[in-house]
Amino acid sequence: MSEAEIRDLYPLVEQAWGLSEAASNYVKNAGREVPLQEVVDKVFLPSGLVDVQKTQKESGNPPKIFLKSIYGLEYRPANNNWIPIRHGALPS
């Protein structure tokens, strides 16, 4: 993988981190316990970044959100947060 290809991946990782932060902020600002599905419906889906079909098919437990890129988010119950993950292959 070339240095340029690696640089092209940074914005995709930043998108995933941005959604993770948006979810944390949503929960913090709600001032109450927020169901995971509410975070999906109010934060992730409106972003336009979610691969809805793949997420519905492969989410699993703990829940995962698959983005249209090679990245996504996985819920970590122990920390009560969403962590970016890579779910696709790196460009060759």
PDB file of N, CA and C in Angstrom:
ATOM      1  N   MET A   1       0.851  -1.163   0.000  1.00  0.00           N
ATOM      2  CA  MET A   1       0.000   0.000   0.000  1.00  0.00           C
ATOM      3  C   MET A   1       0.902   1.233   0.000  1.00  0.00           C
ATOM      4  N   SER A   2       0.583   2.154  -0.865  1.00  0.00           N
ATOM      5  CA  SER A   2       1.407   3.349  -0.979  1.00  0.00           C
ATOM      6  C   SER A   2       1.069   4.353   0.120  1.00  0.00           C
ATOM      7  N   GLU A   3       1.976   5.277   0.298  1.00  0.00           N
ATOM      8  CA  GLU A   3       1.765   6.329   1.289  1.00  0.00           C
ATOM      9  C   GLU A   3       0.526   7.154   0.949  1.00  0.00           C
ATOM     10  N   ALA A   4       0.299   7.419  -0.327  1.00  0.00           N
ATOM     11  CA  ALA A   4      -0.879   8.180  -0.752  1.00  0.00           C
ATOM     12  C   ALA A   4      -2.161   7.426  -0.436  1.00  0.00           C
ATOM     13  N   GLU A   5      -2.151   6.119  -0.637  1.00  0.00           N
ATOM     14  CA  GLU A   5      -3.345   5.310  -0.333  1.00  0.00           C
ATOM     15  C   GLU A   5      -3.635   5.326   1.173  1.00  0.00           C
ATOM     16  N   ILE A   6      -2.582   5.268   1.961  1.00  0.00           N
ATOM     17  CA  ILE A   6      -2.752   5.330   3.415  1.00  0.00           C
ATOM     18  C   ILE A   6      -3.333   6.685   3.806  1.00  0.00           C
ATOM     19  N   ARG A   7      -2.821   7.760   3.209  1.00  0.00           N
ATOM     20  CA  ARG A   7      -3.346   9.102   3.504  1.00  0.00           C
ATOM     21  C   ARG A   7      -4.823   9.210   3.141  1.00  0.00           C
ATOM     22  N   ASP A   8      -5.236   8.514   2.075  1.00  0.00           N
ATOM     23  CA  ASP A   8      -6.636   8.549   1.651  1.00  0.00           C
ATOM     24  C   ASP A   8      -7.562   7.873   2.656  1.00  0.00           C
ATOM     25  N   LEU A   9      -7.012   7.006   3.507  1.00  0.00           N
ATOM     26  CA  LEU A   9      -7.826   6.309   4.500  1.00  0.00           C
ATOM     27  C   LEU A   9      -8.109   7.164   5.732  1.00  0.00           C
ATOM     28  N   TYR A  10      -7.262   8.137   6.021  1.00  0.00           N
ATOM     29  CA  TYR A  10      -7.444   8.962   7.226  1.00  0.00           C
ATOM     30  C   TYR A  10      -8.819   9.619   7.299  1.00  0.00           C
ATOM     31  N   PRO A  11      -9.312  10.230   6.212  1.00  0.00           N
ATOM     32  CA  PRO A  11     -10.644  10.841   6.322  1.00  0.00           C
ATOM     33  C   PRO A  11     -11.740   9.821   6.651  1.00  0.00           C
ATOM     34  N   LEU A  12     -11.569   8.595   6.199  1.00  0.00           N
ATOM     35  CA  LEU A  12     -12.563   7.559   6.483  1.00  0.00           C
ATOM     36  C   LEU A  12     -12.539   7.167   7.958  1.00  0.00           C
ATOM     37  N   VAL A  13     -11.344   7.073   8.519  1.00  0.00           N
ATOM     38  CA  VAL A  13     -11.218   6.792   9.952  1.00  0.00           C
ATOM     39  C   VAL A  13     -11.792   7.961  10.753  1.00  0.00           C
ATOM     40  N   GLU A  14     -11.503   9.174  10.306  1.00  0.00           N
ATOM     41  CA  GLU A  14     -12.020  10.356  10.990  1.00  0.00           C
ATOM     42  C   GLU A  14     -13.550  10.404  10.958  1.00  0.00           C
ATOM     43  N   GLN A  15     -14.153   9.945   9.854  1.00  0.00           N
ATOM     44  CA  GLN A  15     -15.618   9.865   9.798  1.00  0.00           C
ATOM     45  C   GLN A  15     -16.145   8.946  10.891  1.00  0.00           C
ATOM     46  N   ALA A  16     -15.512   7.781  11.029  1.00  0.00           N
ATOM     47  CA  ALA A  16     -15.938   6.822  12.048  1.00  0.00           C
ATOM     48  C   ALA A  16     -15.780   7.423  13.442  1.00  0.00           C
ATOM     49  N   TRP A  17     -14.640   8.068  13.705  1.00  0.00           N
ATOM     50  CA  TRP A  17     -14.441   8.702  15.011  1.00  0.00           C
ATOM     51  C   TRP A  17     -15.453   9.822  15.236  1.00  0.00           C
ATOM     52  N   GLY A  18     -15.762  10.556  14.172  1.00  0.00           N
ATOM     53  CA  GLY A  18     -16.744  11.629  14.283  1.00  0.00           C
ATOM     54  C   GLY A  18     -18.118  11.102  14.686  1.00  0.00           C
ATOM     55  N   LEU A  19     -18.510   9.972  14.104  1.00  0.00           N
ATOM     56  CA  LEU A  19     -19.792   9.367  14.481  1.00  0.00           C
ATOM     57  C   LEU A  19     -19.755   8.859  15.916  1.00  0.00           C
ATOM     58  N   SER A  20     -18.616   8.305  16.311  1.00  0.00           N
ATOM     59  CA  SER A  20     -18.465   7.842  17.686  1.00  0.00           C
ATOM     60  C   SER A  20     -18.634   9.012  18.655  1.00  0.00           C
ATOM     61  N   GLU A  21     -18.000  10.126  18.354  1.00  0.00           N
ATOM     62  CA  GLU A  21     -18.118  11.323  19.192  1.00  0.00           C
ATOM     63  C   GLU A  21     -19.543  11.869  19.184  1.00  0.00           C
ATOM     64  N   ALA A  22     -20.183  11.844  18.017  1.00  0.00           N
ATOM     65  CA  ALA A  22     -21.561  12.326  17.923  1.00  0.00           C
ATOM     66  C   ALA A  22     -22.489  11.474  18.790  1.00  0.00           C
ATOM     67  N   ALA A  23     -22.267  10.162  18.799  1.00  0.00           N
ATOM     68  CA  ALA A  23     -23.073   9.270  19.640  1.00  0.00           C
ATOM     69  C   ALA A  23     -22.847   9.583  21.113  1.00  0.00           C
ATOM     70  N   SER A  24     -21.600   9.767  21.502  1.00  0.00           N
ATOM     71  CA  SER A  24     -21.286  10.099  22.900  1.00  0.00           C
ATOM     72  C   SER A  24     -21.927  11.412  23.309  1.00  0.00           C
ATOM     73  N   ASN A  25     -21.844  12.402  22.444  1.00  0.00           N
ATOM     74  CA  ASN A  25     -22.441  13.703  22.737  1.00  0.00           C
ATOM     75  C   ASN A  25     -23.961  13.614  22.830  1.00  0.00           C
ATOM     76  N   TYR A  26     -24.564  12.823  21.955  1.00  0.00           N
ATOM     77  CA  TYR A  26     -26.013  12.656  21.980  1.00  0.00           C
ATOM     78  C   TYR A  26     -26.451  12.083  23.328  1.00  0.00           C
ATOM     79  N   VAL A  27     -25.766  11.046  23.764  1.00  0.00           N
ATOM     80  CA  VAL A  27     -26.109  10.403  25.038  1.00  0.00           C
ATOM     81  C   VAL A  27     -25.870  11.374  26.199  1.00  0.00           C
ATOM     82  N   LYS A  28     -24.739  12.057  26.169  1.00  0.00           N
ATOM     83  CA  LYS A  28     -24.407  13.009  27.237  1.00  0.00           C
ATOM     84  C   LYS A  28     -25.442  14.125  27.319  1.00  0.00           C
ATOM     85  N   ASN A  29     -25.839  14.653  26.172  1.00  0.00           N
ATOM     86  CA  ASN A  29     -26.801  15.756  26.149  1.00  0.00           C
ATOM     87  C   ASN A  29     -28.215  15.316  26.482  1.00  0.00           C
ATOM     88  N   ALA A  30     -28.514  14.043  26.306  1.00  0.00           N
ATOM     89  CA  ALA A  30     -29.853  13.543  26.625  1.00  0.00           C
ATOM     90  C   ALA A  30     -30.093  13.563  28.128  1.00  0.00           C
ATOM     91  N   GLY A  31     -29.043  13.380  28.906  1.00  0.00           N
ATOM     92  CA  GLY A  31     -29.173  13.414  30.356  1.00  0.00           C
ATOM     93  C   GLY A  31     -29.970  12.245  30.919  1.00  0.00           C
ATOM     94  N   ARG A  32     -30.012  11.176  30.174  1.00  0.00           N
ATOM     95  CA  ARG A  32     -30.748   9.980  30.587  1.00  0.00           C
ATOM     96  C   ARG A  32     -30.112   8.764  29.914  1.00  0.00           C
ATOM     97  N   GLU A  33     -30.542   7.605  30.309  1.00  0.00           N
ATOM     98  CA  GLU A  33     -30.068   6.399  29.640  1.00  0.00           C
ATOM     99  C   GLU A  33     -30.734   6.334  28.258  1.00  0.00           C
ATOM    100  N   VAL A  34     -29.927   6.195  27.244  1.00  0.00           N
ATOM    101  CA  VAL A  34     -30.428   6.209  25.873  1.00  0.00           C
ATOM    102  C   VAL A  34     -30.287   4.806  25.286  1.00  0.00           C
ATOM    103  N   PRO A  35     -31.384   4.233  24.786  1.00  0.00           N
ATOM    104  CA  PRO A  35     -31.295   2.912  24.152  1.00  0.00           C
ATOM    105  C   PRO A  35     -30.394   2.964  22.912  1.00  0.00           C
ATOM    106  N   LEU A  36     -29.689   1.871  22.654  1.00  0.00           N
ATOM    107  CA  LEU A  36     -28.787   1.816  21.500  1.00  0.00           C
ATOM    108  C   LEU A  36     -29.522   2.112  20.205  1.00  0.00           C
ATOM    109  N   GLN A  37     -30.741   1.595  20.063  1.00  0.00           N
ATOM    110  CA  GLN A  37     -31.488   1.815  18.824  1.00  0.00           C
ATOM    111  C   GLN A  37     -31.774   3.295  18.599  1.00  0.00           C
ATOM    112  N   GLU A  38     -31.967   4.037  19.676  1.00  0.00           N
ATOM    113  CA  GLU A  38     -32.184   5.478  19.544  1.00  0.00           C
ATOM    114  C   GLU A  38     -30.935   6.154  18.981  1.00  0.00           C
ATOM    115  N   VAL A  39     -29.769   5.733  19.428  1.00  0.00           N
ATOM    116  CA  VAL A  39     -28.519   6.290  18.899  1.00  0.00           C
ATOM    117  C   VAL A  39     -28.400   5.965  17.411  1.00  0.00           C
ATOM    118  N   VAL A  40     -28.746   4.745  17.056  1.00  0.00           N
ATOM    119  CA  VAL A  40     -28.704   4.352  15.637  1.00  0.00           C
ATOM    120  C   VAL A  40     -29.652   5.241  14.838  1.00  0.00           C
ATOM    121  N   ASP A  41     -30.883   5.380  15.315  1.00  0.00           N
ATOM    122  CA  ASP A  41     -31.904   6.127  14.579  1.00  0.00           C
ATOM    123  C   ASP A  41     -31.642   7.627  14.525  1.00  0.00           C
ATOM    124  N   LYS A  42     -31.098   8.189  15.598  1.00  0.00           N
ATOM    125  CA  LYS A  42     -30.954   9.650  15.694  1.00  0.00           C
ATOM    126  C   LYS A  42     -29.568  10.173  15.311  1.00  0.00           C
ATOM    127  N   VAL A  43     -28.552   9.292  15.362  1.00  0.00           N
ATOM    128  CA  VAL A  43     -27.184   9.747  15.074  1.00  0.00           C
ATOM    129  C   VAL A  43     -26.631   9.074  13.823  1.00  0.00           C
ATOM    130  N   PHE A  44     -26.612   7.750  13.818  1.00  0.00           N
ATOM    131  CA  PHE A  44     -25.927   7.036  12.739  1.00  0.00           C
ATOM    132  C   PHE A  44     -26.674   7.093  11.407  1.00  0.00           C
ATOM    133  N   LEU A  45     -27.949   6.739  11.408  1.00  0.00           N
ATOM    134  CA  LEU A  45     -28.689   6.706  10.142  1.00  0.00           C
ATOM    135  C   LEU A  45     -28.782   8.065   9.456  1.00  0.00           C
ATOM    136  N   PRO A  46     -29.056   9.151  10.177  1.00  0.00           N
ATOM    137  CA  PRO A  46     -29.118  10.453   9.504  1.00  0.00           C
ATOM    138  C   PRO A  46     -27.777  10.921   8.914  1.00  0.00           C
ATOM    139  N   SER A  47     -26.680  10.301   9.325  1.00  0.00           N
ATOM    140  CA  SER A  47     -25.368  10.726   8.831  1.00  0.00           C
ATOM    141  C   SER A  47     -25.196  10.453   7.342  1.00  0.00           C
ATOM    142  N   GLY A  48     -25.941   9.483   6.811  1.00  0.00           N
ATOM    143  CA  GLY A  48     -25.778   9.104   5.407  1.00  0.00           C
ATOM    144  C   GLY A  48     -24.552   8.250   5.163  1.00  0.00           C
ATOM    145  N   LEU A  49     -23.818   7.907   6.214  1.00  0.00           N
ATOM    146  CA  LEU A  49     -22.584   7.137   6.077  1.00  0.00           C
ATOM    147  C   LEU A  49     -22.777   5.638   6.298  1.00  0.00           C
ATOM    148  N   VAL A  50     -23.949   5.237   6.786  1.00  0.00           N
ATOM    149  CA  VAL A  50     -24.187   3.852   7.187  1.00  0.00           C
ATOM    150  C   VAL A  50     -24.619   3.001   5.998  1.00  0.00           C
ATOM    151  N   ASP A  51     -24.000   1.837   5.881  1.00  0.00           N
ATOM    152  CA  ASP A  51     -24.450   0.817   4.938  1.00  0.00           C
ATOM    153  C   ASP A  51     -25.583   0.084   5.651  1.00  0.00           C
ATOM    154  N   VAL A  52     -26.798   0.554   5.437  1.00  0.00           N
ATOM    155  CA  VAL A  52     -27.958   0.076   6.180  1.00  0.00           C
ATOM    156  C   VAL A  52     -28.183  -1.415   5.954  1.00  0.00           C
ATOM    157  N   GLN A  53     -28.100  -1.847   4.724  1.00  0.00           N
ATOM    158  CA  GLN A  53     -28.360  -3.252   4.409  1.00  0.00           C
ATOM    159  C   GLN A  53     -27.369  -4.174   5.115  1.00  0.00           C
ATOM    160  N   LYS A  54     -26.088  -3.864   5.040  1.00  0.00           N
ATOM    161  CA  LYS A  54     -25.083  -4.696   5.701  1.00  0.00           C
ATOM    162  C   LYS A  54     -25.244  -4.645   7.219  1.00  0.00           C
ATOM    163  N   THR A  55     -25.538  -3.475   7.751  1.00  0.00           N
ATOM    164  CA  THR A  55     -25.725  -3.338   9.196  1.00  0.00           C
ATOM    165  C   THR A  55     -26.896  -4.191   9.666  1.00  0.00           C
ATOM    166  N   GLN A  56     -28.006  -4.156   8.948  1.00  0.00           N
ATOM    167  CA  GLN A  56     -29.174  -4.952   9.329  1.00  0.00           C
ATOM    168  C   GLN A  56     -28.877  -6.445   9.248  1.00  0.00           C
ATOM    169  N   LYS A  57     -28.087  -6.832   8.275  1.00  0.00           N
ATOM    170  CA  LYS A  57     -27.796  -8.255   8.044  1.00  0.00           C
ATOM    171  C   LYS A  57     -26.743  -8.805   9.002  1.00  0.00           C
ATOM    172  N   GLU A  58     -25.716  -8.006   9.333  1.00  0.00           N
ATOM    173  CA  GLU A  58     -24.541  -8.530  10.023  1.00  0.00           C
ATOM    174  C   GLU A  58     -24.236  -7.889  11.373  1.00  0.00           C
ATOM    175  N   SER A  59     -25.129  -7.092  11.912  1.00  0.00           N
ATOM    176  CA  SER A  59     -24.812  -6.311  13.106  1.00  0.00           C
ATOM    177  C   SER A  59     -24.261  -7.132  14.264  1.00  0.00           C
ATOM    178  N   GLY A  60     -24.948  -8.163  14.694  1.00  0.00           N
ATOM    179  CA  GLY A  60     -24.439  -9.039  15.749  1.00  0.00           C
ATOM    180  C   GLY A  60     -24.559  -8.485  17.147  1.00  0.00           C
ATOM    181  N   ASN A  61     -23.844  -9.159  18.051  1.00  0.00           N
ATOM    182  CA  ASN A  61     -23.847  -8.787  19.454  1.00  0.00           C
ATOM    183  C   ASN A  61     -22.433  -8.907  19.992  1.00  0.00           C
ATOM    184  N   PRO A  62     -21.765  -7.852  20.391  1.00  0.00           N
ATOM    185  CA  PRO A  62     -22.274  -6.499  20.527  1.00  0.00           C
ATOM    186  C   PRO A  62     -22.597  -5.891  19.165  1.00  0.00           C
ATOM    187  N   PRO A  63     -23.496  -4.917  19.157  1.00  0.00           N
ATOM    188  CA  PRO A  63     -23.920  -4.319  17.894  1.00  0.00           C
ATOM    189  C   PRO A  63     -22.771  -3.674  17.139  1.00  0.00           C
ATOM    190  N   LYS A  64     -22.869  -3.775  15.813  1.00  0.00           N
ATOM    191  CA  LYS A  64     -21.912  -3.117  14.922  1.00  0.00           C
ATOM    192  C   LYS A  64     -22.690  -2.283  13.917  1.00  0.00           C
ATOM    193  N   ILE A  65     -22.097  -1.185  13.543  1.00  0.00           N
ATOM    194  CA  ILE A  65     -22.625  -0.321  12.501  1.00  0.00           C
ATOM    195  C   ILE A  65     -21.590  -0.332  11.388  1.00  0.00           C
ATOM    196  N   PHE A  66     -21.997  -0.759  10.209  1.00  0.00           N
ATOM    197  CA  PHE A  66     -21.088  -0.813   9.067  1.00  0.00           C
ATOM    198  C   PHE A  66     -21.283   0.444   8.232  1.00  0.00           C
ATOM    199  N   LEU A  67     -20.205   1.167   8.033  1.00  0.00           N
ATOM    200  CA  LEU A  67     -20.265   2.351   7.190  1.00  0.00           C
ATOM    201  C   LEU A  67     -20.079   1.941   5.742  1.00  0.00           C
ATOM    202  N   LYS A  68     -20.338   2.861   4.835  1.00  0.00           N
ATOM    203  CA  LYS A  68     -20.181   2.594   3.404  1.00  0.00           C
ATOM    204  C   LYS A  68     -18.714   2.471   3.023  1.00  0.00           C
ATOM    205  N   SER A  69     -17.846   2.860   3.910  1.00  0.00           N
ATOM    206  CA  SER A  69     -16.406   2.708   3.716  1.00  0.00           C
ATOM    207  C   SER A  69     -15.974   1.371   4.317  1.00  0.00           C
ATOM    208  N   ILE A  70     -14.681   1.160   4.453  1.00  0.00           N
ATOM    209  CA  ILE A  70     -14.178  -0.080   5.062  1.00  0.00           C
ATOM    210  C   ILE A  70     -14.206  -0.024   6.581  1.00  0.00           C
ATOM    211  N   TYR A  71     -14.738   1.055   7.133  1.00  0.00           N
ATOM    212  CA  TYR A  71     -14.784   1.236   8.576  1.00  0.00           C
ATOM    213  C   TYR A  71     -16.212   1.162   9.092  1.00  0.00           C
ATOM    214  N   GLY A  72     -16.320   1.060  10.394  1.00  0.00           N
ATOM    215  CA  GLY A  72     -17.614   1.020  11.053  1.00  0.00           C
ATOM    216  C   GLY A  72     -17.415   1.274  12.530  1.00  0.00           C
ATOM    217  N   LEU A  73     -18.434   0.961  13.301  1.00  0.00           N
ATOM    218  CA  LEU A  73     -18.401   1.157  14.739  1.00  0.00           C
ATOM    219  C   LEU A  73     -18.921  -0.091  15.429  1.00  0.00           C
ATOM    220  N   GLU A  74     -18.319  -0.405  16.558  1.00  0.00           N
ATOM    221  CA  GLU A  74     -18.786  -1.519  17.372  1.00  0.00           C
ATOM    222  C   GLU A  74     -19.064  -0.995  18.767  1.00  0.00           C
ATOM    223  N   TYR A  75     -20.204  -1.390  19.311  1.00  0.00           N
ATOM    224  CA  TYR A  75     -20.560  -0.964  20.659  1.00  0.00           C
ATOM    225  C   TYR A  75     -19.795  -1.796  21.674  1.00  0.00           C
ATOM    226  N   ARG A  76     -19.189  -1.124  22.639  1.00  0.00           N
ATOM    227  CA  ARG A  76     -18.460  -1.784  23.719  1.00  0.00           C
ATOM    228  C   ARG A  76     -19.217  -1.562  25.018  1.00  0.00           C
ATOM    229  N   PRO A  77     -19.995  -2.563  25.450  1.00  0.00           N
ATOM    230  CA  PRO A  77     -20.822  -2.400  26.647  1.00  0.00           C
ATOM    231  C   PRO A  77     -20.024  -2.062  27.911  1.00  0.00           C
ATOM    232  N   ALA A  78     -18.831  -2.607  28.039  1.00  0.00           N
ATOM    233  CA  ALA A  78     -18.034  -2.356  29.249  1.00  0.00           C
ATOM    234  C   ALA A  78     -17.702  -0.874  29.406  1.00  0.00           C
ATOM    235  N   ASN A  79     -17.521  -0.194  28.280  1.00  0.00           N
ATOM    236  CA  ASN A  79     -17.184   1.234  28.303  1.00  0.00           C
ATOM    237  C   ASN A  79     -18.363   2.120  27.936  1.00  0.00           C
ATOM    238  N   ASN A  80     -19.466   1.498  27.535  1.00  0.00           N
ATOM    239  CA  ASN A  80     -20.665   2.223  27.136  1.00  0.00           C
ATOM    240  C   ASN A  80     -20.357   3.235  26.030  1.00  0.00           C
ATOM    241  N   ASN A  81     -19.625   2.773  24.988  1.00  0.00           N
ATOM    242  CA  ASN A  81     -19.311   3.660  23.872  1.00  0.00           C
ATOM    243  C   ASN A  81     -19.150   2.874  22.571  1.00  0.00           C
ATOM    244  N   TRP A  82     -19.026   3.604  21.492  1.00  0.00           N
ATOM    245  CA  TRP A  82     -18.865   3.039  20.150  1.00  0.00           C
ATOM    246  C   TRP A  82     -17.424   3.278  19.705  1.00  0.00           C
ATOM    247  N   ILE A  83     -16.761   2.213  19.284  1.00  0.00           N
ATOM    248  CA  ILE A  83     -15.359   2.277  18.884  1.00  0.00           C
ATOM    249  C   ILE A  83     -15.235   1.988  17.383  1.00  0.00           C
ATOM    250  N   PRO A  84     -14.471   2.782  16.652  1.00  0.00           N
ATOM    251  CA  PRO A  84     -14.271   2.499  15.234  1.00  0.00           C
ATOM    252  C   PRO A  84     -13.585   1.145  15.019  1.00  0.00           C
ATOM    253  N   ILE A  85     -14.028   0.462  13.990  1.00  0.00           N
ATOM    254  CA  ILE A  85     -13.442  -0.820  13.578  1.00  0.00           C
ATOM    255  C   ILE A  85     -13.256  -0.789  12.065  1.00  0.00           C
ATOM    256  N   ARG A  86     -12.419  -1.661  11.576  1.00  0.00           N
ATOM    257  CA  ARG A  86     -12.309  -1.850  10.125  1.00  0.00           C
ATOM    258  C   ARG A  86     -13.034  -3.150   9.800  1.00  0.00           C
ATOM    259  N   HIS A  87     -13.954  -3.106   8.846  1.00  0.00           N
ATOM    260  CA  HIS A  87     -14.693  -4.303   8.486  1.00  0.00           C
ATOM    261  C   HIS A  87     -14.432  -4.735   7.048  1.00  0.00           C
ATOM    262  N   GLY A  88     -13.679  -3.957   6.330  1.00  0.00           N
ATOM    263  CA  GLY A  88     -13.377  -4.291   4.941  1.00  0.00           C
ATOM    264  C   GLY A  88     -11.887  -4.401   4.727  1.00  0.00           C
ATOM    265  N   ALA A  89     -11.541  -4.923   3.580  1.00  0.00           N
ATOM    266  CA  ALA A  89     -10.129  -5.097   3.229  1.00  0.00           C
ATOM    267  C   ALA A  89      -9.503  -3.759   2.858  1.00  0.00           C
ATOM    268  N   LEU A  90      -8.247  -3.606   3.212  1.00  0.00           N
ATOM    269  CA  LEU A  90      -7.492  -2.437   2.790  1.00  0.00           C
ATOM    270  C   LEU A  90      -7.252  -2.524   1.294  1.00  0.00           C
ATOM    271  N   PRO A  91      -7.218  -1.391   0.609  1.00  0.00           N
ATOM    272  CA  PRO A  91      -6.902  -1.424  -0.810  1.00  0.00           C
ATOM    273  C   PRO A  91      -5.527  -2.049  -1.037  1.00  0.00           C
ATOM    274  N   SER A  92      -5.417  -2.809  -2.081  1.00  0.00           N
ATOM    275  CA  SER A  92      -4.107  -3.449  -2.348  1.00  0.00           C
ATOM    276  C   SER A  92      -3.278  -2.662  -3.321  1.00  0.00           C
TER     277      SER A  92
END
